Amino acid sequence: MALNPVVLKASAKHTSTLIFLHGLGDTGHGWVEAMGAIRPAHMKVICPTAKTMPVTLNSGFEMPSWFDLKSLEISGEEDTDGIKKAATNVHAMIQSEIQGGIPSNRIILGGFSQGGALALYAGLTFAEPLAGIMALSCWLPLGKSFPAARKAPDTVPIIQCHGDCDPLVKYSYGQLSSSLLKTFMKNTQFTTYRGMSHSSSNDEMDDLKTFIEKYIPTAV
């Protein structure tokens, strides 16, 4: 986890935080503008950058990665230790916000692709109730460990967003993860974006803005 994440300070009194995790090979700079455009004035945005490491899926080339990615197939091998270590780092970021005076139920955790996968895993294994989890074009890693691995309350809201033309993280993989989540979480939604590949869209950003406003209302 980078020591100097990209941070957008709240433009009004800081009463909520969004932590957003980028995809493989990207940096925190890749998403900060998009997240800044959909946040309310009371929300701080934190976009950390993953450490550079060799990635098996990309022939061992080094790039920013939250954990080693060995496969994007549903039954593919996973970097169990790396995923758990990355989740611990994310938990530390959340705890830092809590210690700074922001309650967990006013913190949203989100991410895209590999970052979305980590956001799902880290959010579900964090014991205190988050305001929500935003999982874009991704999957639930270590799926077979759930529901036993879940520490979060089963009421934490989750929004999954996935394009039905995604050539990298298959749409069916996202659907399968959604079906699994629905077996042990009470407030999940899976939104499909017709014709969208492994990317984002204005409609998706609008839906995330609505999600944020619903679950983190402006503090009185």
C-alpha atoms as a PDB file:
ATOM      1  CA  MET A   1       0.000   0.000   0.000  1.00  0.00           C
ATOM      2  CA  ALA A   2       1.417   3.363  -1.022  1.00  0.00           C
ATOM      3  CA  LEU A   3       2.429   5.671   1.801  1.00  0.00           C
ATOM      4  CA  ASN A   4       1.132   8.739  -0.025  1.00  0.00           C
ATOM      5  CA  PRO A   5      -2.346   8.092  -1.428  1.00  0.00           C
ATOM      6  CA  VAL A   6      -4.094  10.697  -3.553  1.00  0.00           C
ATOM      7  CA  VAL A   7      -6.476  12.548  -1.226  1.00  0.00           C
ATOM      8  CA  LEU A   8      -9.294  14.970  -2.032  1.00  0.00           C
ATOM      9  CA  LYS A   9     -10.240  16.855   1.109  1.00  0.00           C
ATOM     10  CA  ALA A  10     -13.906  17.479   1.813  1.00  0.00           C
ATOM     11  CA  SER A  11     -15.056  20.879   0.543  1.00  0.00           C
ATOM     12  CA  ALA A  12     -17.392  21.277   3.534  1.00  0.00           C
ATOM     13  CA  LYS A  13     -17.089  19.939   7.088  1.00  0.00           C
ATOM     14  CA  HIS A  14     -15.538  16.449   6.804  1.00  0.00           C
ATOM     15  CA  THR A  15     -18.103  13.916   8.051  1.00  0.00           C
ATOM     16  CA  SER A  16     -17.626  10.978   5.651  1.00  0.00           C
ATOM     17  CA  THR A  17     -14.916   9.209   3.638  1.00  0.00           C
ATOM     18  CA  LEU A  18     -14.694   7.200   0.438  1.00  0.00           C
ATOM     19  CA  ILE A  19     -11.711   4.873  -0.020  1.00  0.00           C
ATOM     20  CA  PHE A  20     -11.435   3.736  -3.653  1.00  0.00           C
ATOM     21  CA  LEU A  21      -9.005   1.097  -4.943  1.00  0.00           C
ATOM     22  CA  HIS A  22      -7.758   1.155  -8.547  1.00  0.00           C
ATOM     23  CA  GLY A  23      -7.406  -1.760 -10.951  1.00  0.00           C
ATOM     24  CA  LEU A  24      -4.323  -3.729 -11.949  1.00  0.00           C
ATOM     25  CA  GLY A  25      -1.516  -1.572 -13.359  1.00  0.00           C
ATOM     26  CA  ASP A  26      -3.216   1.713 -12.498  1.00  0.00           C
ATOM     27  CA  THR A  27      -2.586   4.242  -9.710  1.00  0.00           C
ATOM     28  CA  GLY A  28      -4.738   6.268  -7.345  1.00  0.00           C
ATOM     29  CA  HIS A  29      -4.597   9.138  -9.826  1.00  0.00           C
ATOM     30  CA  GLY A  30      -6.626   7.053 -12.288  1.00  0.00           C
ATOM     31  CA  TRP A  31      -9.875   7.292 -10.300  1.00  0.00           C
ATOM     32  CA  VAL A  32      -9.623  10.362  -8.096  1.00  0.00           C
ATOM     33  CA  GLU A  33     -11.232  12.717 -10.615  1.00  0.00           C
ATOM     34  CA  ALA A  34     -14.202  10.403 -11.237  1.00  0.00           C
ATOM     35  CA  MET A  35     -14.786   9.854  -7.524  1.00  0.00           C
ATOM     36  CA  GLY A  36     -14.398  13.561  -6.820  1.00  0.00           C
ATOM     37  CA  ALA A  37     -17.160  14.294  -9.329  1.00  0.00           C
ATOM     38  CA  ILE A  38     -19.753  12.113  -7.549  1.00  0.00           C
ATOM     39  CA  ARG A  39     -18.941  12.780  -3.891  1.00  0.00           C
ATOM     40  CA  PRO A  40     -20.965  15.092  -1.648  1.00  0.00           C
ATOM     41  CA  ALA A  41     -19.220  18.126  -0.179  1.00  0.00           C
ATOM     42  CA  HIS A  42     -18.804  16.485   3.244  1.00  0.00           C
ATOM     43  CA  MET A  43     -16.877  13.507   1.845  1.00  0.00           C
ATOM     44  CA  LYS A  44     -13.105  13.053   1.708  1.00  0.00           C
ATOM     45  CA  VAL A  45     -11.843  10.790  -1.077  1.00  0.00           C
ATOM     46  CA  ILE A  46      -8.778   8.579  -0.596  1.00  0.00           C
ATOM     47  CA  CYS A  47      -7.307   6.796  -3.634  1.00  0.00           C
ATOM     48  CA  PRO A  48      -4.244   4.773  -2.605  1.00  0.00           C
ATOM     49  CA  THR A  49      -1.798   3.229  -5.067  1.00  0.00           C
ATOM     50  CA  ALA A  50      -0.801  -0.418  -4.809  1.00  0.00           C
ATOM     51  CA  LYS A  51       2.832  -1.425  -4.509  1.00  0.00           C
ATOM     52  CA  THR A  52       4.609  -2.562  -7.664  1.00  0.00           C
ATOM     53  CA  MET A  53       5.066  -6.342  -7.834  1.00  0.00           C
ATOM     54  CA  PRO A  54       5.500  -9.134 -10.401  1.00  0.00           C
ATOM     55  CA  VAL A  55       2.094 -10.313 -11.657  1.00  0.00           C
ATOM     56  CA  THR A  56       1.765 -13.937 -12.729  1.00  0.00           C
ATOM     57  CA  LEU A  57      -1.165 -13.218 -15.083  1.00  0.00           C
ATOM     58  CA  ASN A  58       1.035 -10.757 -16.986  1.00  0.00           C
ATOM     59  CA  SER A  59       4.028 -13.083 -17.392  1.00  0.00           C
ATOM     60  CA  GLY A  60       5.710 -11.815 -14.243  1.00  0.00           C
ATOM     61  CA  PHE A  61       5.954  -8.203 -15.382  1.00  0.00           C
ATOM     62  CA  GLU A  62       5.994  -5.740 -12.500  1.00  0.00           C
ATOM     63  CA  MET A  63       3.146  -3.267 -12.081  1.00  0.00           C
ATOM     64  CA  PRO A  64       1.000  -1.778  -9.324  1.00  0.00           C
ATOM     65  CA  SER A  65      -1.048  -4.661  -7.931  1.00  0.00           C
ATOM     66  CA  TRP A  66      -2.893  -5.233  -4.666  1.00  0.00           C
ATOM     67  CA  PHE A  67      -1.992  -8.937  -4.734  1.00  0.00           C
ATOM     68  CA  ASP A  68      -0.636 -11.415  -7.270  1.00  0.00           C
ATOM     69  CA  LEU A  69      -3.231 -12.143  -9.929  1.00  0.00           C
ATOM     70  CA  LYS A  70      -2.810 -15.666 -11.225  1.00  0.00           C
ATOM     71  CA  SER A  71      -6.003 -16.152 -13.209  1.00  0.00           C
ATOM     72  CA  LEU A  72      -9.278 -14.457 -14.113  1.00  0.00           C
ATOM     73  CA  GLU A  73     -11.125 -17.753 -14.457  1.00  0.00           C
ATOM     74  CA  ILE A  74     -13.828 -18.626 -11.939  1.00  0.00           C
ATOM     75  CA  SER A  75     -11.998 -21.751 -10.770  1.00  0.00           C
ATOM     76  CA  GLY A  76      -8.477 -20.307 -11.163  1.00  0.00           C
ATOM     77  CA  GLU A  77      -5.730 -20.319  -8.545  1.00  0.00           C
ATOM     78  CA  GLU A  78      -5.747 -17.365  -6.123  1.00  0.00           C
ATOM     79  CA  ASP A  79      -3.102 -15.572  -4.061  1.00  0.00           C
ATOM     80  CA  THR A  80      -4.711 -16.337  -0.711  1.00  0.00           C
ATOM     81  CA  ASP A  81      -1.968 -14.858   1.472  1.00  0.00           C
ATOM     82  CA  GLY A  82      -1.622 -11.771  -0.707  1.00  0.00           C
ATOM     83  CA  ILE A  83      -5.372 -11.083  -0.673  1.00  0.00           C
ATOM     84  CA  LYS A  84      -5.549 -11.404   3.102  1.00  0.00           C
ATOM     85  CA  LYS A  85      -2.512  -9.164   3.593  1.00  0.00           C
ATOM     86  CA  ALA A  86      -3.949  -6.523   1.254  1.00  0.00           C
ATOM     87  CA  ALA A  87      -7.256  -6.636   3.144  1.00  0.00           C
ATOM     88  CA  THR A  88      -5.394  -6.046   6.411  1.00  0.00           C
ATOM     89  CA  ASN A  89      -3.828  -2.942   4.869  1.00  0.00           C
ATOM     90  CA  VAL A  90      -7.246  -1.683   3.777  1.00  0.00           C
ATOM     91  CA  HIS A  91      -8.620  -2.324   7.260  1.00  0.00           C
ATOM     92  CA  ALA A  92      -5.810  -0.158   8.647  1.00  0.00           C
ATOM     93  CA  MET A  93      -6.845   2.686   6.329  1.00  0.00           C
ATOM     94  CA  ILE A  94     -10.450   2.399   7.534  1.00  0.00           C
ATOM     95  CA  GLN A  95      -9.326   2.340  11.161  1.00  0.00           C
ATOM     96  CA  SER A  96      -7.266   5.470  10.559  1.00  0.00           C
ATOM     97  CA  GLU A  97     -10.398   7.304   9.416  1.00  0.00           C
ATOM     98  CA  ILE A  98     -12.346   6.015  12.423  1.00  0.00           C
ATOM     99  CA  GLN A  99      -9.598   7.192  14.762  1.00  0.00           C
ATOM    100  CA  GLY A 100      -9.791  10.560  13.030  1.00  0.00           C
ATOM    101  CA  GLY A 101     -13.432  10.899  14.050  1.00  0.00           C
ATOM    102  CA  ILE A 102     -15.352   9.419  11.105  1.00  0.00           C
ATOM    103  CA  PRO A 103     -17.652   6.568  12.234  1.00  0.00           C
ATOM    104  CA  SER A 104     -17.492   3.362  10.214  1.00  0.00           C
ATOM    105  CA  ASN A 105     -21.084   3.789   9.040  1.00  0.00           C
ATOM    106  CA  ARG A 106     -20.016   6.956   7.209  1.00  0.00           C
ATOM    107  CA  ILE A 107     -17.170   5.261   5.339  1.00  0.00           C
ATOM    108  CA  ILE A 108     -17.651   3.691   1.892  1.00  0.00           C
ATOM    109  CA  LEU A 109     -15.149   1.272   0.415  1.00  0.00           C
ATOM    110  CA  GLY A 110     -15.015   0.876  -3.353  1.00  0.00           C
ATOM    111  CA  GLY A 111     -12.851  -0.276  -6.212  1.00  0.00           C
ATOM    112  CA  PHE A 112     -12.551  -1.239  -9.873  1.00  0.00           C
ATOM    113  CA  SER A 113     -11.536  -4.672 -11.208  1.00  0.00           C
ATOM    114  CA  GLN A 114      -8.796  -6.069  -8.936  1.00  0.00           C
ATOM    115  CA  GLY A 115      -9.411  -3.104  -6.621  1.00  0.00           C
ATOM    116  CA  GLY A 116     -13.123  -3.888  -6.558  1.00  0.00           C
ATOM    117  CA  ALA A 117     -12.371  -7.490  -5.691  1.00  0.00           C
ATOM    118  CA  LEU A 118     -10.218  -6.321  -2.792  1.00  0.00           C
ATOM    119  CA  ALA A 119     -12.903  -3.835  -1.696  1.00  0.00           C
ATOM    120  CA  LEU A 120     -15.439  -6.682  -1.525  1.00  0.00           C
ATOM    121  CA  TYR A 121     -13.138  -8.988   0.427  1.00  0.00           C
ATOM    122  CA  ALA A 122     -11.855  -6.278   2.778  1.00  0.00           C
ATOM    123  CA  GLY A 123     -15.323  -4.872   3.375  1.00  0.00           C
ATOM    124  CA  LEU A 124     -16.835  -8.262   4.152  1.00  0.00           C
ATOM    125  CA  THR A 125     -14.012  -9.163   6.549  1.00  0.00           C
ATOM    126  CA  PHE A 126     -14.151  -5.849   8.463  1.00  0.00           C
ATOM    127  CA  ALA A 127     -16.108  -6.301  11.682  1.00  0.00           C
ATOM    128  CA  GLU A 128     -17.584  -2.823  12.024  1.00  0.00           C
ATOM    129  CA  PRO A 129     -20.503  -1.734   9.808  1.00  0.00           C
ATOM    130  CA  LEU A 130     -19.462   0.279   6.759  1.00  0.00           C
ATOM    131  CA  ALA A 131     -21.842   2.641   4.971  1.00  0.00           C
ATOM    132  CA  GLY A 132     -21.456   0.534   1.846  1.00  0.00           C
ATOM    133  CA  ILE A 133     -19.257  -1.271  -0.664  1.00  0.00           C
ATOM    134  CA  MET A 134     -19.016  -0.281  -4.349  1.00  0.00           C
ATOM    135  CA  ALA A 135     -17.669  -3.117  -6.504  1.00  0.00           C
ATOM    136  CA  LEU A 136     -17.044  -2.248 -10.169  1.00  0.00           C
ATOM    137  CA  SER A 137     -16.314  -4.809 -12.908  1.00  0.00           C
ATOM    138  CA  CYS A 138     -15.006  -7.340 -10.418  1.00  0.00           C
ATOM    139  CA  TRP A 139     -15.523 -10.562  -8.507  1.00  0.00           C
ATOM    140  CA  LEU A 140     -15.513 -11.843  -4.922  1.00  0.00           C
ATOM    141  CA  PRO A 141     -12.060 -13.335  -4.269  1.00  0.00           C
ATOM    142  CA  LEU A 142     -11.664 -16.437  -2.107  1.00  0.00           C
ATOM    143  CA  GLY A 143     -15.356 -17.060  -2.651  1.00  0.00           C
ATOM    144  CA  LYS A 144     -15.229 -20.548  -1.182  1.00  0.00           C
ATOM    145  CA  SER A 145     -14.231 -19.069   2.187  1.00  0.00           C
ATOM    146  CA  PHE A 146     -17.636 -17.369   2.491  1.00  0.00           C
ATOM    147  CA  PRO A 147     -19.905 -17.085   4.373  1.00  0.00           C
ATOM    148  CA  ALA A 148     -17.558 -18.393   7.098  1.00  0.00           C
ATOM    149  CA  ALA A 149     -15.025 -15.599   6.474  1.00  0.00           C
ATOM    150  CA  ARG A 150     -17.612 -12.838   6.826  1.00  0.00           C
ATOM    151  CA  LYS A 151     -17.120 -10.542   9.823  1.00  0.00           C
ATOM    152  CA  ALA A 152     -19.204  -7.614   8.578  1.00  0.00           C
ATOM    153  CA  PRO A 153     -22.854  -7.241   9.572  1.00  0.00           C
ATOM    154  CA  ASP A 154     -25.061  -8.855   6.928  1.00  0.00           C
ATOM    155  CA  THR A 155     -26.841  -5.518   6.456  1.00  0.00           C
ATOM    156  CA  VAL A 156     -23.889  -3.654   4.849  1.00  0.00           C
ATOM    157  CA  PRO A 157     -25.150  -2.339   1.467  1.00  0.00           C
ATOM    158  CA  ILE A 158     -23.303  -3.594  -1.618  1.00  0.00           C
ATOM    159  CA  ILE A 159     -23.604  -2.337  -5.193  1.00  0.00           C
ATOM    160  CA  GLN A 160     -21.976  -4.354  -7.973  1.00  0.00           C
ATOM    161  CA  CYS A 161     -21.651  -2.770 -11.409  1.00  0.00           C
ATOM    162  CA  HIS A 162     -20.623  -4.777 -14.490  1.00  0.00           C
ATOM    163  CA  GLY A 163     -20.656  -4.318 -18.250  1.00  0.00           C
ATOM    164  CA  ASP A 164     -22.157  -7.222 -20.173  1.00  0.00           C
ATOM    165  CA  CYS A 165     -19.392  -6.975 -22.816  1.00  0.00           C
ATOM    166  CA  ASP A 166     -16.466  -7.181 -20.361  1.00  0.00           C
ATOM    167  CA  PRO A 167     -13.707  -9.250 -22.044  1.00  0.00           C
ATOM    168  CA  LEU A 168     -11.396  -9.352 -19.004  1.00  0.00           C
ATOM    169  CA  VAL A 169     -13.495  -9.980 -15.899  1.00  0.00           C
ATOM    170  CA  LYS A 170     -16.313 -11.928 -17.457  1.00  0.00           C
ATOM    171  CA  TYR A 171     -19.860 -10.731 -16.849  1.00  0.00           C
ATOM    172  CA  SER A 172     -20.766 -14.256 -15.756  1.00  0.00           C
ATOM    173  CA  TYR A 173     -18.048 -14.089 -13.077  1.00  0.00           C
ATOM    174  CA  GLY A 174     -19.636 -10.945 -11.675  1.00  0.00           C
ATOM    175  CA  GLN A 175     -23.061 -12.589 -11.769  1.00  0.00           C
ATOM    176  CA  LEU A 176     -21.767 -15.658  -9.945  1.00  0.00           C
ATOM    177  CA  SER A 177     -20.224 -13.481  -7.244  1.00  0.00           C
ATOM    178  CA  SER A 178     -23.524 -11.607  -6.917  1.00  0.00           C
ATOM    179  CA  SER A 179     -25.433 -14.858  -6.499  1.00  0.00           C
ATOM    180  CA  LEU A 180     -23.024 -15.946  -3.758  1.00  0.00           C
ATOM    181  CA  LEU A 181     -23.277 -12.600  -1.962  1.00  0.00           C
ATOM    182  CA  LYS A 182     -27.065 -12.803  -1.943  1.00  0.00           C
ATOM    183  CA  THR A 183     -26.865 -16.034   0.086  1.00  0.00           C
ATOM    184  CA  PHE A 184     -25.371 -14.274   3.114  1.00  0.00           C
ATOM    185  CA  MET A 185     -25.827 -10.503   2.651  1.00  0.00           C
ATOM    186  CA  LYS A 186     -29.250  -8.851   2.905  1.00  0.00           C
ATOM    187  CA  ASN A 187     -28.711  -5.662   0.899  1.00  0.00           C
ATOM    188  CA  THR A 188     -26.996  -6.340  -2.425  1.00  0.00           C
ATOM    189  CA  GLN A 189     -27.685  -5.107  -5.928  1.00  0.00           C
ATOM    190  CA  PHE A 190     -26.137  -6.090  -9.252  1.00  0.00           C
ATOM    191  CA  THR A 191     -26.449  -3.512 -12.028  1.00  0.00           C
ATOM    192  CA  THR A 192     -25.790  -4.380 -15.656  1.00  0.00           C
ATOM    193  CA  TYR A 193     -24.531  -1.844 -18.219  1.00  0.00           C
ATOM    194  CA  ARG A 194     -25.432  -2.880 -21.745  1.00  0.00           C
ATOM    195  CA  GLY A 195     -22.550  -2.752 -24.216  1.00  0.00           C
ATOM    196  CA  MET A 196     -19.973  -1.680 -21.613  1.00  0.00           C
ATOM    197  CA  SER A 197     -16.607  -3.443 -21.688  1.00  0.00           C
ATOM    198  CA  HIS A 198     -13.987  -3.471 -18.895  1.00  0.00           C
ATOM    199  CA  SER A 199     -14.442   0.218 -18.203  1.00  0.00           C
ATOM    200  CA  SER A 200     -16.865   2.705 -16.691  1.00  0.00           C
ATOM    201  CA  SER A 201     -19.695   4.895 -17.947  1.00  0.00           C
ATOM    202  CA  ASN A 202     -21.667   8.003 -17.073  1.00  0.00           C
ATOM    203  CA  ASP A 203     -24.681   5.874 -16.163  1.00  0.00           C
ATOM    204  CA  GLU A 204     -22.547   3.856 -13.759  1.00  0.00           C
ATOM    205  CA  MET A 205     -21.195   7.017 -12.116  1.00  0.00           C
ATOM    206  CA  ASP A 206     -24.756   8.329 -11.756  1.00  0.00           C
ATOM    207  CA  ASP A 207     -25.760   5.097 -10.011  1.00  0.00           C
ATOM    208  CA  LEU A 208     -22.787   5.311  -7.647  1.00  0.00           C
ATOM    209  CA  LYS A 209     -23.626   8.933  -6.824  1.00  0.00           C
ATOM    210  CA  THR A 210     -27.166   7.837  -5.935  1.00  0.00           C
ATOM    211  CA  PHE A 211     -25.789   4.983  -3.799  1.00  0.00           C
ATOM    212  CA  ILE A 212     -23.507   7.356  -1.880  1.00  0.00           C
ATOM    213  CA  GLU A 213     -26.291   9.880  -1.281  1.00  0.00           C
ATOM    214  CA  LYS A 214     -28.661   7.144  -0.087  1.00  0.00           C
ATOM    215  CA  TYR A 215     -26.346   5.549   2.438  1.00  0.00           C
ATOM    216  CA  ILE A 216     -24.368   8.593   3.600  1.00  0.00           C
ATOM    217  CA  PRO A 217     -26.860  11.416   4.029  1.00  0.00           C
ATOM    218  CA  THR A 218     -25.607  14.913   4.726  1.00  0.00           C
ATOM    219  CA  ALA A 219     -24.851  15.244   8.423  1.00  0.00           C
ATOM    220  CA  VAL A 220     -27.046  17.614  10.380  1.00  0.00           C
END
